């Protein structure tokens, strides 16, 4: 599968999720479908103190699609 085909499949899967879960906000869909990868921030004793998302601009679309389809 090439990059363009993977991009189209990602959009197709997001479109299905939008129909299935109409009350979710867009970023909730991205998070739930594993498009975004959370990074948990912890303090010295291991307590969660925050969260941000990994910058995935370099990730190939095929890898993103594989991650999405694995859990969804």
C-alpha atoms as a PDB file:
ATOM      1  CA  UNK A   1       0.000   0.000   0.000  1.00  0.00           C
ATOM      2  CA  UNK A   2       1.399   3.397  -0.890  1.00  0.00           C
ATOM      3  CA  UNK A   3       1.097   6.634   1.097  1.00  0.00           C
ATOM      4  CA  UNK A   4      -1.864   7.997  -0.864  1.00  0.00           C
ATOM      5  CA  UNK A   5      -3.829   4.765  -0.483  1.00  0.00           C
ATOM      6  CA  UNK A   6      -3.115   4.731   3.257  1.00  0.00           C
ATOM      7  CA  UNK A   7      -4.223   8.367   3.588  1.00  0.00           C
ATOM      8  CA  UNK A   8      -7.513   7.574   1.851  1.00  0.00           C
ATOM      9  CA  UNK A   9      -8.069   4.554   4.102  1.00  0.00           C
ATOM     10  CA  UNK A  10      -7.375   6.667   7.200  1.00  0.00           C
ATOM     11  CA  UNK A  11     -10.017   9.163   6.061  1.00  0.00           C
ATOM     12  CA  UNK A  12     -12.429   6.311   5.328  1.00  0.00           C
ATOM     13  CA  UNK A  13     -11.972   4.865   8.815  1.00  0.00           C
ATOM     14  CA  UNK A  14     -12.395   8.287  10.438  1.00  0.00           C
ATOM     15  CA  UNK A  15     -15.572   8.836   8.405  1.00  0.00           C
ATOM     16  CA  UNK A  16     -16.977   5.528   9.654  1.00  0.00           C
ATOM     17  CA  UNK A  17     -16.200   6.496  13.240  1.00  0.00           C
ATOM     18  CA  UNK A  18     -17.849   9.901  12.789  1.00  0.00           C
ATOM     19  CA  UNK A  19     -21.050   8.148  11.725  1.00  0.00           C
ATOM     20  CA  UNK A  20     -20.829   5.526  14.467  1.00  0.00           C
ATOM     21  CA  UNK A  21     -20.011   8.007  17.258  1.00  0.00           C
ATOM     22  CA  UNK A  22     -21.692  11.304  16.280  1.00  0.00           C
ATOM     23  CA  UNK A  23     -21.337  12.836  19.751  1.00  0.00           C
ATOM     24  CA  UNK A  24     -17.537  12.624  19.854  1.00  0.00           C
ATOM     25  CA  UNK A  25     -15.419  15.643  19.068  1.00  0.00           C
ATOM     26  CA  UNK A  26     -12.809  15.292  16.324  1.00  0.00           C
ATOM     27  CA  UNK A  27      -9.822  15.074  18.647  1.00  0.00           C
ATOM     28  CA  UNK A  28     -11.628  12.491  20.759  1.00  0.00           C
ATOM     29  CA  UNK A  29     -11.944  10.370  17.614  1.00  0.00           C
ATOM     30  CA  UNK A  30      -8.248  10.803  16.816  1.00  0.00           C
ATOM     31  CA  UNK A  31      -7.286   9.827  20.362  1.00  0.00           C
ATOM     32  CA  UNK A  32      -9.676   6.873  20.541  1.00  0.00           C
ATOM     33  CA  UNK A  33      -8.544   5.560  17.159  1.00  0.00           C
ATOM     34  CA  UNK A  34      -4.850   5.740  18.111  1.00  0.00           C
ATOM     35  CA  UNK A  35      -4.020   8.439  15.567  1.00  0.00           C
ATOM     36  CA  UNK A  36      -2.555  10.519  18.375  1.00  0.00           C
ATOM     37  CA  UNK A  37       0.007   8.939  20.708  1.00  0.00           C
ATOM     38  CA  UNK A  38      -0.156  10.246  24.276  1.00  0.00           C
ATOM     39  CA  UNK A  39       2.974  10.863  26.328  1.00  0.00           C
ATOM     40  CA  UNK A  40       2.290  10.734  30.051  1.00  0.00           C
ATOM     41  CA  UNK A  41       4.308  13.116  32.225  1.00  0.00           C
ATOM     42  CA  UNK A  42       5.075  11.875  35.744  1.00  0.00           C
ATOM     43  CA  UNK A  43       6.724  13.471  38.750  1.00  0.00           C
ATOM     44  CA  UNK A  44       9.636  11.918  40.682  1.00  0.00           C
ATOM     45  CA  UNK A  45       7.381   9.568  42.621  1.00  0.00           C
ATOM     46  CA  UNK A  46       5.541   8.327  39.533  1.00  0.00           C
ATOM     47  CA  UNK A  47       2.322  10.311  39.806  1.00  0.00           C
ATOM     48  CA  UNK A  48       0.798  11.566  36.567  1.00  0.00           C
ATOM     49  CA  UNK A  49       1.147  15.333  36.360  1.00  0.00           C
ATOM     50  CA  UNK A  50       0.256  15.924  32.734  1.00  0.00           C
ATOM     51  CA  UNK A  51       0.004  14.606  29.235  1.00  0.00           C
ATOM     52  CA  UNK A  52       0.930  15.772  25.757  1.00  0.00           C
ATOM     53  CA  UNK A  53       0.935  14.096  22.371  1.00  0.00           C
ATOM     54  CA  UNK A  54       3.941  12.866  20.453  1.00  0.00           C
ATOM     55  CA  UNK A  55       4.761  14.817  17.297  1.00  0.00           C
ATOM     56  CA  UNK A  56       4.155  12.272  14.522  1.00  0.00           C
ATOM     57  CA  UNK A  57       4.685  14.488  11.477  1.00  0.00           C
ATOM     58  CA  UNK A  58       7.492  12.156  10.342  1.00  0.00           C
ATOM     59  CA  UNK A  59       5.449   8.950  10.635  1.00  0.00           C
ATOM     60  CA  UNK A  60       4.444   7.228   7.416  1.00  0.00           C
ATOM     61  CA  UNK A  61       0.709   6.994   6.793  1.00  0.00           C
ATOM     62  CA  UNK A  62       0.873   3.206   6.455  1.00  0.00           C
ATOM     63  CA  UNK A  63       2.212   2.942  10.016  1.00  0.00           C
ATOM     64  CA  UNK A  64      -0.499   5.274  11.314  1.00  0.00           C
ATOM     65  CA  UNK A  65      -3.152   3.195   9.574  1.00  0.00           C
ATOM     66  CA  UNK A  66      -1.737  -0.044  10.986  1.00  0.00           C
ATOM     67  CA  UNK A  67      -1.861   1.384  14.512  1.00  0.00           C
ATOM     68  CA  UNK A  68      -5.415   2.647  13.983  1.00  0.00           C
ATOM     69  CA  UNK A  69      -6.717  -0.671  12.702  1.00  0.00           C
ATOM     70  CA  UNK A  70      -4.942  -2.742  15.368  1.00  0.00           C
ATOM     71  CA  UNK A  71      -7.121  -1.568  18.239  1.00  0.00           C
ATOM     72  CA  UNK A  72     -10.176  -0.082  16.601  1.00  0.00           C
END
